[in-house]
Amino acid sequence: MSVYVDWGHHLKLGALNPCREGAGVVLSIQERLVLSVVFFVVGLVLGRKGVRGPSKVLGKVLLYVVLPYLMIYGIVYTSMTLVKSVTLIAVAYVAISAVAIPLIYLKLLGRGPGVGAAMISSAFPNVGFLPTPLMLLLYGDPMPAVLYASMYNVASAPVIPVLASIGGESKPTASLIVKRVFTFPFTIAAIIAFTIRFTLHPAPLAPPPLPLIKDVFSEANIASFLIVGDAIARSRFSFRREVLAVMGWRLLASPVMHLGLLAAIASLNLPAVWVAGILIESFMPPATMNLVYAMMYGLDEEVVAVSIAYVTPIALGLAILVRFLIPA
């Protein structure tokens, strides 16, 4: 049985389907776009006025509550065997990036808050909020983006604090890196989730109100555009070396690596929509949560914000190109 057929069966169970019938809290694409613009404009206004409080509070809520819950929910209630191809690609890409990015960036850029910001911006793209509605708009199927995001978040949880430490600290110590890995909210969430999954053997369907909380928290990620607006309002737009490095990685290195990984698993015969979804994921801009990580680890927020601003419109154009090259 193919991955596509298995996942289709899984959708009938209602698990992790953001468009399932009865999920009243799920927003439409139009509503998401409007809210994104509203939060972005509010962030711009606050940033221009130098008001940082709302951005910092929102960042902590997303980092310590919303995203860890979504990770735990996804790991506990998703059938891993049905999505082995997506998991292989996400994990392999994270592993290669975790080695290649520090080697290349430290050699070319040295160390500093800007380099640490460039590292996490390159390694942690927007795998959820942006590609999910894009897949809905272009292919009518958000599931490749939803699953890739879940697996990517799990695989990258320990990588983010490592890169932030290696790139941002002048002399990072092993104890500092280990401490940051095991106190990072995503690492803790992954440990909790896998413990629940493999020791308690929960029911295949989440009991209420867990799915409702998952839907609410999923949509709450839209509020992260307030953080983007705040950071951009305080940024000076220029093509710094760190920003160019992020653009090169997200728009060139990452797509090439994903194409290679797709070729390596060609025998698994992924359906076209899944191939398209993975390609679209490969050139997504840095995640807005990188701004939260930058605040958390004392990195250069401007590098993150400007990279997001530059890469996003190019990524949207490339997504449309993929739709023409790979029909639904």
C-alpha atoms as a PDB file:
ATOM      1  CA  MET A   1       0.000   0.000   0.000  1.00  0.00           C
ATOM      2  CA  SER A   2       1.401   3.384  -0.947  1.00  0.00           C
ATOM      3  CA  VAL A   3       2.076   6.196   1.447  1.00  0.00           C
ATOM      4  CA  TYR A   4      -0.638   8.235  -0.244  1.00  0.00           C
ATOM      5  CA  VAL A   5      -3.354   5.584   0.164  1.00  0.00           C
ATOM      6  CA  ASP A   6      -2.407   4.936   3.772  1.00  0.00           C
ATOM      7  CA  TRP A   7      -2.511   8.618   4.593  1.00  0.00           C
ATOM      8  CA  GLY A   8      -5.852   8.976   2.866  1.00  0.00           C
ATOM      9  CA  HIS A   9      -7.190   6.268   5.166  1.00  0.00           C
ATOM     10  CA  HIS A  10      -5.692   8.079   8.122  1.00  0.00           C
ATOM     11  CA  LEU A  11      -7.509  11.274   7.133  1.00  0.00           C
ATOM     12  CA  LYS A  12     -10.832   9.425   7.331  1.00  0.00           C
ATOM     13  CA  LEU A  13     -10.146   8.940  11.015  1.00  0.00           C
ATOM     14  CA  GLY A  14      -9.938  12.719  11.361  1.00  0.00           C
ATOM     15  CA  ALA A  15      -6.468  12.759  12.883  1.00  0.00           C
ATOM     16  CA  LEU A  16      -4.432  15.885  12.244  1.00  0.00           C
ATOM     17  CA  ASN A  17      -6.722  17.060   9.465  1.00  0.00           C
ATOM     18  CA  PRO A  18      -6.914  20.839   9.771  1.00  0.00           C
ATOM     19  CA  CYS A  19      -9.857  21.002   7.370  1.00  0.00           C
ATOM     20  CA  ARG A  20     -11.990  18.244   8.857  1.00  0.00           C
ATOM     21  CA  GLU A  21     -15.701  18.735   9.155  1.00  0.00           C
ATOM     22  CA  GLY A  22     -16.810  20.111  12.466  1.00  0.00           C
ATOM     23  CA  ALA A  23     -13.561  21.848  13.322  1.00  0.00           C
ATOM     24  CA  GLY A  24     -15.251  25.179  13.886  1.00  0.00           C
ATOM     25  CA  VAL A  25     -12.144  26.989  15.062  1.00  0.00           C
ATOM     26  CA  VAL A  26     -10.232  26.400  11.828  1.00  0.00           C
ATOM     27  CA  LEU A  27      -9.919  29.583   9.790  1.00  0.00           C
ATOM     28  CA  SER A  28     -10.282  29.928   6.052  1.00  0.00           C
ATOM     29  CA  ILE A  29      -7.341  30.936   3.874  1.00  0.00           C
ATOM     30  CA  GLN A  30      -8.835  34.403   3.461  1.00  0.00           C
ATOM     31  CA  GLU A  31      -9.247  34.834   7.216  1.00  0.00           C
ATOM     32  CA  ARG A  32      -5.646  33.738   7.796  1.00  0.00           C
ATOM     33  CA  LEU A  33      -4.389  36.229   5.248  1.00  0.00           C
ATOM     34  CA  VAL A  34      -6.391  39.088   6.778  1.00  0.00           C
ATOM     35  CA  LEU A  35      -5.256  38.250  10.316  1.00  0.00           C
ATOM     36  CA  SER A  36      -1.658  37.932   9.151  1.00  0.00           C
ATOM     37  CA  VAL A  37      -1.773  41.437   7.694  1.00  0.00           C
ATOM     38  CA  VAL A  38      -3.461  42.818  10.825  1.00  0.00           C
ATOM     39  CA  PHE A  39      -0.866  41.309  13.177  1.00  0.00           C
ATOM     40  CA  PHE A  40       1.955  42.408  10.887  1.00  0.00           C
ATOM     41  CA  VAL A  41       0.708  46.020  10.803  1.00  0.00           C
ATOM     42  CA  VAL A  42       0.218  46.060  14.582  1.00  0.00           C
ATOM     43  CA  GLY A  43       3.786  44.796  14.947  1.00  0.00           C
ATOM     44  CA  LEU A  44       5.061  47.530  12.638  1.00  0.00           C
ATOM     45  CA  VAL A  45       3.303  50.211  14.660  1.00  0.00           C
ATOM     46  CA  LEU A  46       4.579  48.848  17.971  1.00  0.00           C
ATOM     47  CA  GLY A  47       8.088  48.502  16.577  1.00  0.00           C
ATOM     48  CA  ARG A  48       8.098  52.084  15.286  1.00  0.00           C
ATOM     49  CA  LYS A  49       7.024  53.311  18.723  1.00  0.00           C
ATOM     50  CA  GLY A  50       9.636  51.198  20.486  1.00  0.00           C
ATOM     51  CA  VAL A  51       7.067  49.118  22.383  1.00  0.00           C
ATOM     52  CA  ARG A  52       8.656  45.667  22.835  1.00  0.00           C
ATOM     53  CA  GLY A  53       6.430  44.193  25.568  1.00  0.00           C
ATOM     54  CA  PRO A  54       3.713  42.552  23.428  1.00  0.00           C
ATOM     55  CA  SER A  55       6.257  40.991  21.081  1.00  0.00           C
ATOM     56  CA  LYS A  56       8.283  39.486  23.934  1.00  0.00           C
ATOM     57  CA  VAL A  57       5.224  38.129  25.759  1.00  0.00           C
ATOM     58  CA  LEU A  58       3.786  36.630  22.583  1.00  0.00           C
ATOM     59  CA  GLY A  59       7.135  35.026  21.761  1.00  0.00           C
ATOM     60  CA  LYS A  60       7.283  33.315  25.161  1.00  0.00           C
ATOM     61  CA  VAL A  61       3.698  32.030  24.849  1.00  0.00           C
ATOM     62  CA  LEU A  62       4.429  30.541  21.424  1.00  0.00           C
ATOM     63  CA  LEU A  63       7.764  29.076  22.477  1.00  0.00           C
ATOM     64  CA  TYR A  64       6.795  27.594  25.829  1.00  0.00           C
ATOM     65  CA  VAL A  65       3.109  26.722  25.375  1.00  0.00           C
ATOM     66  CA  VAL A  66       1.694  26.700  21.848  1.00  0.00           C
ATOM     67  CA  LEU A  67       4.404  24.986  19.806  1.00  0.00           C
ATOM     68  CA  PRO A  68       5.363  22.361  22.435  1.00  0.00           C
ATOM     69  CA  TYR A  69       1.704  21.315  22.677  1.00  0.00           C
ATOM     70  CA  LEU A  70       1.418  20.989  18.900  1.00  0.00           C
ATOM     71  CA  MET A  71       4.597  18.897  18.789  1.00  0.00           C
ATOM     72  CA  ILE A  72       3.368  16.545  21.522  1.00  0.00           C
ATOM     73  CA  TYR A  73      -0.013  16.189  19.843  1.00  0.00           C
ATOM     74  CA  GLY A  74       1.543  15.487  16.454  1.00  0.00           C
ATOM     75  CA  ILE A  75       3.976  12.844  17.716  1.00  0.00           C
ATOM     76  CA  VAL A  76       1.434  11.051  19.904  1.00  0.00           C
ATOM     77  CA  TYR A  77      -1.449  10.953  17.433  1.00  0.00           C
ATOM     78  CA  THR A  78       0.230  10.598  14.022  1.00  0.00           C
ATOM     79  CA  SER A  79       0.936   7.196  12.484  1.00  0.00           C
ATOM     80  CA  MET A  80       4.692   7.366  11.890  1.00  0.00           C
ATOM     81  CA  THR A  81       4.788   4.312   9.631  1.00  0.00           C
ATOM     82  CA  LEU A  82       2.375   5.896   7.161  1.00  0.00           C
ATOM     83  CA  VAL A  83       4.668   8.845   6.564  1.00  0.00           C
ATOM     84  CA  LYS A  84       8.094   7.199   6.516  1.00  0.00           C
ATOM     85  CA  SER A  85       9.162   8.933   3.303  1.00  0.00           C
ATOM     86  CA  VAL A  86       8.514  12.429   4.647  1.00  0.00           C
ATOM     87  CA  THR A  87      10.199  11.526   7.922  1.00  0.00           C
ATOM     88  CA  LEU A  88      13.310  10.236   6.136  1.00  0.00           C
ATOM     89  CA  ILE A  89      13.666  13.417   4.096  1.00  0.00           C
ATOM     90  CA  ALA A  90      13.075  15.784   7.024  1.00  0.00           C
ATOM     91  CA  VAL A  91      15.465  13.985   9.369  1.00  0.00           C
ATOM     92  CA  ALA A  92      18.167  13.524   6.722  1.00  0.00           C
ATOM     93  CA  TYR A  93      18.016  17.178   5.725  1.00  0.00           C
ATOM     94  CA  VAL A  94      18.213  18.381   9.343  1.00  0.00           C
ATOM     95  CA  ALA A  95      21.183  16.082  10.012  1.00  0.00           C
ATOM     96  CA  ILE A  96      23.108  17.279   6.947  1.00  0.00           C
ATOM     97  CA  SER A  97      22.303  20.926   7.672  1.00  0.00           C
ATOM     98  CA  ALA A  98      23.373  20.620  11.311  1.00  0.00           C
ATOM     99  CA  VAL A  99      26.859  19.687  10.116  1.00  0.00           C
ATOM    100  CA  ALA A 100      27.183  21.748   6.930  1.00  0.00           C
ATOM    101  CA  ILE A 101      25.864  25.098   8.188  1.00  0.00           C
ATOM    102  CA  PRO A 102      28.353  25.551  11.056  1.00  0.00           C
ATOM    103  CA  LEU A 103      31.272  24.369   8.929  1.00  0.00           C
ATOM    104  CA  ILE A 104      30.468  26.785   6.100  1.00  0.00           C
ATOM    105  CA  TYR A 105      29.279  29.772   8.118  1.00  0.00           C
ATOM    106  CA  LEU A 106      32.086  29.736  10.694  1.00  0.00           C
ATOM    107  CA  LYS A 107      34.627  29.535   7.878  1.00  0.00           C
ATOM    108  CA  LEU A 108      33.120  32.400   5.858  1.00  0.00           C
ATOM    109  CA  LEU A 109      31.542  34.608   8.527  1.00  0.00           C
ATOM    110  CA  GLY A 110      33.257  33.875  11.838  1.00  0.00           C
ATOM    111  CA  ARG A 111      31.234  34.119  15.059  1.00  0.00           C
ATOM    112  CA  GLY A 112      28.891  36.695  16.523  1.00  0.00           C
ATOM    113  CA  PRO A 113      25.210  37.482  17.150  1.00  0.00           C
ATOM    114  CA  GLY A 114      24.620  38.005  13.414  1.00  0.00           C
ATOM    115  CA  VAL A 115      26.218  34.677  12.486  1.00  0.00           C
ATOM    116  CA  GLY A 116      24.213  32.794  15.098  1.00  0.00           C
ATOM    117  CA  ALA A 117      21.051  34.416  13.754  1.00  0.00           C
ATOM    118  CA  ALA A 118      22.012  33.440  10.199  1.00  0.00           C
ATOM    119  CA  MET A 119      22.607  29.847  11.259  1.00  0.00           C
ATOM    120  CA  ILE A 120      19.231  29.329  12.899  1.00  0.00           C
ATOM    121  CA  SER A 121      17.472  31.248  10.092  1.00  0.00           C
ATOM    122  CA  SER A 122      19.017  28.917   7.520  1.00  0.00           C
ATOM    123  CA  ALA A 123      18.357  25.729   9.477  1.00  0.00           C
ATOM    124  CA  PHE A 124      14.833  26.462  10.706  1.00  0.00           C
ATOM    125  CA  PRO A 125      12.498  27.547   7.867  1.00  0.00           C
ATOM    126  CA  ASN A 126       8.796  28.300   7.932  1.00  0.00           C
ATOM    127  CA  VAL A 127       7.676  24.683   7.590  1.00  0.00           C
ATOM    128  CA  GLY A 128       4.109  25.104   8.828  1.00  0.00           C
ATOM    129  CA  PHE A 129       2.172  28.345   8.571  1.00  0.00           C
ATOM    130  CA  LEU A 130       3.210  29.464   5.084  1.00  0.00           C
ATOM    131  CA  PRO A 131       3.470  26.154   3.154  1.00  0.00           C
ATOM    132  CA  THR A 132       0.234  24.756   4.622  1.00  0.00           C
ATOM    133  CA  PRO A 133      -2.058  27.414   3.079  1.00  0.00           C
ATOM    134  CA  LEU A 134       0.111  27.389  -0.059  1.00  0.00           C
ATOM    135  CA  MET A 135      -0.513  23.661  -0.515  1.00  0.00           C
ATOM    136  CA  LEU A 136      -4.225  24.259   0.027  1.00  0.00           C
ATOM    137  CA  LEU A 137      -4.297  27.039  -2.555  1.00  0.00           C
ATOM    138  CA  LEU A 138      -2.119  25.330  -5.167  1.00  0.00           C
ATOM    139  CA  TYR A 139      -2.995  21.647  -4.755  1.00  0.00           C
ATOM    140  CA  GLY A 140      -6.035  21.453  -2.483  1.00  0.00           C
ATOM    141  CA  ASP A 141      -4.118  19.169  -0.093  1.00  0.00           C
ATOM    142  CA  PRO A 142      -2.311  20.532   2.991  1.00  0.00           C
ATOM    143  CA  MET A 143      -1.163  17.158   4.335  1.00  0.00           C
ATOM    144  CA  PRO A 144       2.375  17.063   2.838  1.00  0.00           C
ATOM    145  CA  ALA A 145       3.109  20.381   4.539  1.00  0.00           C
ATOM    146  CA  VAL A 146       1.443  19.363   7.807  1.00  0.00           C
ATOM    147  CA  LEU A 147       3.446  16.136   8.083  1.00  0.00           C
ATOM    148  CA  TYR A 148       6.731  17.627   6.953  1.00  0.00           C
ATOM    149  CA  ALA A 149       6.343  20.377   9.548  1.00  0.00           C
ATOM    150  CA  SER A 150       5.681  17.859  12.329  1.00  0.00           C
ATOM    151  CA  MET A 151       8.686  15.695  11.488  1.00  0.00           C
ATOM    152  CA  TYR A 152      10.959  18.680  10.874  1.00  0.00           C
ATOM    153  CA  ASN A 153      10.106  20.278  14.210  1.00  0.00           C
ATOM    154  CA  VAL A 154      10.910  17.043  16.032  1.00  0.00           C
ATOM    155  CA  ALA A 155      14.230  16.552  14.211  1.00  0.00           C
ATOM    156  CA  SER A 156      15.360  20.169  14.555  1.00  0.00           C
ATOM    157  CA  ALA A 157      14.501  20.590  18.262  1.00  0.00           C
ATOM    158  CA  PRO A 158      18.059  19.910  19.542  1.00  0.00           C
ATOM    159  CA  VAL A 159      19.742  21.598  16.564  1.00  0.00           C
ATOM    160  CA  ILE A 160      18.504  25.148  17.156  1.00  0.00           C
ATOM    161  CA  PRO A 161      20.172  25.736  20.555  1.00  0.00           C
ATOM    162  CA  VAL A 162      23.365  24.090  19.283  1.00  0.00           C
ATOM    163  CA  LEU A 163      23.625  26.399  16.263  1.00  0.00           C
ATOM    164  CA  ALA A 164      22.689  29.436  18.367  1.00  0.00           C
ATOM    165  CA  SER A 165      25.502  28.596  20.773  1.00  0.00           C
ATOM    166  CA  ILE A 166      28.151  27.730  18.184  1.00  0.00           C
ATOM    167  CA  GLY A 167      27.479  30.769  16.009  1.00  0.00           C
ATOM    168  CA  GLY A 168      26.607  33.333  18.652  1.00  0.00           C
ATOM    169  CA  GLU A 169      29.119  32.622  21.396  1.00  0.00           C
ATOM    170  CA  SER A 170      32.760  33.640  21.102  1.00  0.00           C
ATOM    171  CA  LYS A 171      33.822  30.544  23.070  1.00  0.00           C
ATOM    172  CA  PRO A 172      30.864  28.159  23.476  1.00  0.00           C
ATOM    173  CA  THR A 173      31.418  25.418  26.038  1.00  0.00           C
ATOM    174  CA  ALA A 174      30.140  21.852  25.867  1.00  0.00           C
ATOM    175  CA  SER A 175      28.222  22.296  29.116  1.00  0.00           C
ATOM    176  CA  LEU A 176      26.496  25.430  27.762  1.00  0.00           C
ATOM    177  CA  ILE A 177      25.428  23.627  24.585  1.00  0.00           C
ATOM    178  CA  VAL A 178      24.148  20.562  26.479  1.00  0.00           C
ATOM    179  CA  LYS A 179      22.247  22.766  28.915  1.00  0.00           C
ATOM    180  CA  ARG A 180      20.591  24.693  26.100  1.00  0.00           C
ATOM    181  CA  VAL A 181      19.639  21.508  24.240  1.00  0.00           C
ATOM    182  CA  PHE A 182      17.960  19.878  27.230  1.00  0.00           C
ATOM    183  CA  THR A 183      16.259  23.044  28.460  1.00  0.00           C
ATOM    184  CA  PHE A 184      14.985  23.938  24.985  1.00  0.00           C
ATOM    185  CA  PRO A 185      11.153  23.676  24.999  1.00  0.00           C
ATOM    186  CA  PHE A 186      11.037  21.587  21.808  1.00  0.00           C
ATOM    187  CA  THR A 187      13.498  19.043  23.184  1.00  0.00           C
ATOM    188  CA  ILE A 188      11.437  18.661  26.356  1.00  0.00           C
ATOM    189  CA  ALA A 189       8.233  18.371  24.292  1.00  0.00           C
ATOM    190  CA  ALA A 190       9.759  15.662  22.070  1.00  0.00           C
ATOM    191  CA  ILE A 191      10.925  13.626  25.089  1.00  0.00           C
ATOM    192  CA  ILE A 192       7.472  13.857  26.687  1.00  0.00           C
ATOM    193  CA  ALA A 193       5.711  12.953  23.437  1.00  0.00           C
ATOM    194  CA  PHE A 194       7.813   9.900  22.627  1.00  0.00           C
ATOM    195  CA  THR A 195       7.521   8.716  26.231  1.00  0.00           C
ATOM    196  CA  ILE A 196       3.737   8.895  25.997  1.00  0.00           C
ATOM    197  CA  ARG A 197       3.716   7.266  22.584  1.00  0.00           C
ATOM    198  CA  PHE A 198       5.883   4.268  23.308  1.00  0.00           C
ATOM    199  CA  THR A 199       5.102   3.588  26.979  1.00  0.00           C
ATOM    200  CA  LEU A 200       1.463   4.541  27.529  1.00  0.00           C
ATOM    201  CA  HIS A 201       0.252   3.489  24.038  1.00  0.00           C
ATOM    202  CA  PRO A 202      -2.527   6.098  23.779  1.00  0.00           C
ATOM    203  CA  ALA A 203      -5.685   5.560  21.755  1.00  0.00           C
ATOM    204  CA  PRO A 204      -5.327   6.258  17.989  1.00  0.00           C
ATOM    205  CA  LEU A 205      -7.787   9.144  18.207  1.00  0.00           C
ATOM    206  CA  ALA A 206      -7.225  12.019  20.610  1.00  0.00           C
ATOM    207  CA  PRO A 207      -9.982  12.413  23.214  1.00  0.00           C
ATOM    208  CA  PRO A 208     -11.776  15.757  23.505  1.00  0.00           C
ATOM    209  CA  PRO A 209     -10.867  18.513  24.122  1.00  0.00           C
ATOM    210  CA  LEU A 210      -7.323  17.798  22.857  1.00  0.00           C
ATOM    211  CA  PRO A 211      -8.177  18.208  19.121  1.00  0.00           C
ATOM    212  CA  LEU A 212      -9.970  21.491  19.845  1.00  0.00           C
ATOM    213  CA  ILE A 213      -6.934  22.829  21.719  1.00  0.00           C
ATOM    214  CA  LYS A 214      -4.732  21.693  18.837  1.00  0.00           C
ATOM    215  CA  ASP A 215      -6.887  23.605  16.333  1.00  0.00           C
ATOM    216  CA  VAL A 216      -6.873  26.770  18.449  1.00  0.00           C
ATOM    217  CA  PHE A 217      -3.107  26.610  18.989  1.00  0.00           C
ATOM    218  CA  SER A 218      -2.487  25.923  15.292  1.00  0.00           C
ATOM    219  CA  GLU A 219      -4.314  29.077  14.297  1.00  0.00           C
ATOM    220  CA  ALA A 220      -2.606  31.022  17.110  1.00  0.00           C
ATOM    221  CA  ASN A 221       0.657  30.800  15.160  1.00  0.00           C
ATOM    222  CA  ILE A 222      -0.698  33.542  12.911  1.00  0.00           C
ATOM    223  CA  ALA A 223      -0.020  35.966  15.744  1.00  0.00           C
ATOM    224  CA  SER A 224       3.713  35.470  15.133  1.00  0.00           C
ATOM    225  CA  PHE A 225       3.407  38.017  12.315  1.00  0.00           C
ATOM    226  CA  LEU A 226       3.216  40.659  15.046  1.00  0.00           C
ATOM    227  CA  ILE A 227       6.780  39.666  15.965  1.00  0.00           C
ATOM    228  CA  VAL A 228       7.815  39.916  12.303  1.00  0.00           C
ATOM    229  CA  GLY A 229       6.333  43.394  11.967  1.00  0.00           C
ATOM    230  CA  ASP A 230       7.982  44.530  15.198  1.00  0.00           C
ATOM    231  CA  ALA A 231      11.402  43.244  14.111  1.00  0.00           C
ATOM    232  CA  ILE A 232      11.171  44.660  10.581  1.00  0.00           C
ATOM    233  CA  ALA A 233      10.133  48.077  11.929  1.00  0.00           C
ATOM    234  CA  ARG A 234      13.370  48.184  13.908  1.00  0.00           C
ATOM    235  CA  SER A 235      15.581  46.808  11.111  1.00  0.00           C
ATOM    236  CA  ARG A 236      17.811  48.514   8.583  1.00  0.00           C
ATOM    237  CA  PHE A 237      17.370  46.891   5.190  1.00  0.00           C
ATOM    238  CA  SER A 238      20.685  46.001   3.647  1.00  0.00           C
ATOM    239  CA  PHE A 239      22.421  43.028   2.084  1.00  0.00           C
ATOM    240  CA  ARG A 240      24.677  42.110   4.956  1.00  0.00           C
ATOM    241  CA  ARG A 241      26.866  39.050   4.560  1.00  0.00           C
ATOM    242  CA  GLU A 242      24.762  37.140   7.068  1.00  0.00           C
ATOM    243  CA  VAL A 243      21.557  37.926   5.153  1.00  0.00           C
ATOM    244  CA  LEU A 244      23.120  36.873   1.850  1.00  0.00           C
ATOM    245  CA  ALA A 245      24.195  33.605   3.471  1.00  0.00           C
ATOM    246  CA  VAL A 246      20.621  32.909   4.587  1.00  0.00           C
ATOM    247  CA  MET A 247      19.260  33.721   1.129  1.00  0.00           C
ATOM    248  CA  GLY A 248      21.802  31.451  -0.533  1.00  0.00           C
ATOM    249  CA  TRP A 249      21.009  28.564   1.792  1.00  0.00           C
ATOM    250  CA  ARG A 250      17.222  28.851   1.684  1.00  0.00           C
ATOM    251  CA  LEU A 251      16.909  29.498  -2.063  1.00  0.00           C
ATOM    252  CA  LEU A 252      19.748  27.358  -3.437  1.00  0.00           C
ATOM    253  CA  ALA A 253      21.406  24.909  -1.043  1.00  0.00           C
ATOM    254  CA  SER A 254      18.200  23.651   0.585  1.00  0.00           C
ATOM    255  CA  PRO A 255      16.284  22.987  -2.684  1.00  0.00           C
ATOM    256  CA  VAL A 256      19.288  21.163  -4.170  1.00  0.00           C
ATOM    257  CA  MET A 257      19.590  18.995  -1.059  1.00  0.00           C
ATOM    258  CA  HIS A 258      15.882  18.163  -1.080  1.00  0.00           C
ATOM    259  CA  LEU A 259      16.011  17.241  -4.762  1.00  0.00           C
ATOM    260  CA  GLY A 260      18.860  14.880  -3.974  1.00  0.00           C
ATOM    261  CA  LEU A 261      16.953  13.306  -1.089  1.00  0.00           C
ATOM    262  CA  LEU A 262      13.832  12.899  -3.247  1.00  0.00           C
ATOM    263  CA  ALA A 263      15.941  11.178  -5.896  1.00  0.00           C
ATOM    264  CA  ALA A 264      17.389   8.860  -3.241  1.00  0.00           C
ATOM    265  CA  ILE A 265      13.904   7.620  -2.241  1.00  0.00           C
ATOM    266  CA  ALA A 266      12.447   7.596  -5.758  1.00  0.00           C
ATOM    267  CA  SER A 267      11.736   3.869  -5.422  1.00  0.00           C
ATOM    268  CA  LEU A 268       9.073   4.643  -2.806  1.00  0.00           C
ATOM    269  CA  ASN A 269       6.986   6.295  -5.564  1.00  0.00           C
ATOM    270  CA  LEU A 270       5.742   9.354  -3.724  1.00  0.00           C
ATOM    271  CA  PRO A 271       2.638  10.864  -5.377  1.00  0.00           C
ATOM    272  CA  ALA A 272       3.211  14.084  -7.306  1.00  0.00           C
ATOM    273  CA  VAL A 273       1.474  16.268  -4.715  1.00  0.00           C
ATOM    274  CA  TRP A 274       3.838  14.988  -2.013  1.00  0.00           C
ATOM    275  CA  VAL A 275       6.888  15.678  -4.183  1.00  0.00           C
ATOM    276  CA  ALA A 276       5.568  19.176  -4.862  1.00  0.00           C
ATOM    277  CA  GLY A 277       4.912  19.737  -1.176  1.00  0.00           C
ATOM    278  CA  ILE A 278       8.448  18.764  -0.205  1.00  0.00           C
ATOM    279  CA  LEU A 279       9.938  20.985  -2.917  1.00  0.00           C
ATOM    280  CA  ILE A 280       7.848  23.933  -1.757  1.00  0.00           C
ATOM    281  CA  GLU A 281       9.005  23.298   1.805  1.00  0.00           C
ATOM    282  CA  SER A 282      12.626  23.301   0.644  1.00  0.00           C
ATOM    283  CA  PHE A 283      12.780  27.013  -0.247  1.00  0.00           C
ATOM    284  CA  MET A 284      10.510  28.463   2.425  1.00  0.00           C
ATOM    285  CA  PRO A 285      11.802  31.597   4.227  1.00  0.00           C
ATOM    286  CA  PRO A 286      13.124  31.478   7.791  1.00  0.00           C
ATOM    287  CA  ALA A 287      10.451  30.768  10.390  1.00  0.00           C
ATOM    288  CA  THR A 288       9.101  33.755  12.291  1.00  0.00           C
ATOM    289  CA  MET A 289       9.897  31.816  15.475  1.00  0.00           C
ATOM    290  CA  ASN A 290      13.571  32.471  14.741  1.00  0.00           C
ATOM    291  CA  LEU A 291      12.901  35.987  16.018  1.00  0.00           C
ATOM    292  CA  VAL A 292      11.859  34.453  19.335  1.00  0.00           C
ATOM    293  CA  TYR A 293      14.996  32.284  19.393  1.00  0.00           C
ATOM    294  CA  ALA A 294      17.100  35.347  18.595  1.00  0.00           C
ATOM    295  CA  MET A 295      15.609  37.179  21.576  1.00  0.00           C
ATOM    296  CA  MET A 296      16.047  34.075  23.732  1.00  0.00           C
ATOM    297  CA  TYR A 297      19.748  33.617  22.913  1.00  0.00           C
ATOM    298  CA  GLY A 298      20.776  37.257  22.437  1.00  0.00           C
ATOM    299  CA  LEU A 299      21.283  37.003  18.660  1.00  0.00           C
ATOM    300  CA  ASP A 300      20.817  39.654  15.966  1.00  0.00           C
ATOM    301  CA  GLU A 301      17.065  39.958  15.296  1.00  0.00           C
ATOM    302  CA  GLU A 302      17.678  42.235  12.320  1.00  0.00           C
ATOM    303  CA  VAL A 303      19.364  39.429  10.363  1.00  0.00           C
ATOM    304  CA  VAL A 304      16.318  37.220  10.900  1.00  0.00           C
ATOM    305  CA  ALA A 305      13.749  39.901  10.047  1.00  0.00           C
ATOM    306  CA  VAL A 306      15.487  41.134   6.903  1.00  0.00           C
ATOM    307  CA  SER A 307      16.066  37.555   5.706  1.00  0.00           C
ATOM    308  CA  ILE A 308      12.357  36.808   6.102  1.00  0.00           C
ATOM    309  CA  ALA A 309      11.442  40.000   4.224  1.00  0.00           C
ATOM    310  CA  TYR A 310      13.786  39.215   1.308  1.00  0.00           C
ATOM    311  CA  VAL A 311      13.194  35.469   0.942  1.00  0.00           C
ATOM    312  CA  THR A 312       9.399  35.365   1.353  1.00  0.00           C
ATOM    313  CA  PRO A 313       8.342  36.996  -1.976  1.00  0.00           C
ATOM    314  CA  ILE A 314      10.899  34.932  -3.908  1.00  0.00           C
ATOM    315  CA  ALA A 315       9.654  31.756  -2.218  1.00  0.00           C
ATOM    316  CA  LEU A 316       6.045  32.564  -3.128  1.00  0.00           C
ATOM    317  CA  GLY A 317       7.051  32.977  -6.772  1.00  0.00           C
ATOM    318  CA  LEU A 318       8.933  29.658  -6.725  1.00  0.00           C
ATOM    319  CA  ALA A 319       5.894  27.908  -5.213  1.00  0.00           C
ATOM    320  CA  ILE A 320       3.776  29.059  -8.159  1.00  0.00           C
ATOM    321  CA  LEU A 321       6.498  27.805 -10.522  1.00  0.00           C
ATOM    322  CA  VAL A 322       6.390  24.371  -8.853  1.00  0.00           C
ATOM    323  CA  ARG A 323       2.623  24.267  -9.417  1.00  0.00           C
ATOM    324  CA  PHE A 324       3.161  24.772 -13.148  1.00  0.00           C
ATOM    325  CA  LEU A 325       5.947  22.193 -13.306  1.00  0.00           C
ATOM    326  CA  ILE A 326       4.163  19.547 -11.205  1.00  0.00           C
ATOM    327  CA  PRO A 327       0.425  19.424 -11.989  1.00  0.00           C
ATOM    328  CA  ALA A 328      -2.054  18.366  -9.344  1.00  0.00           C
END
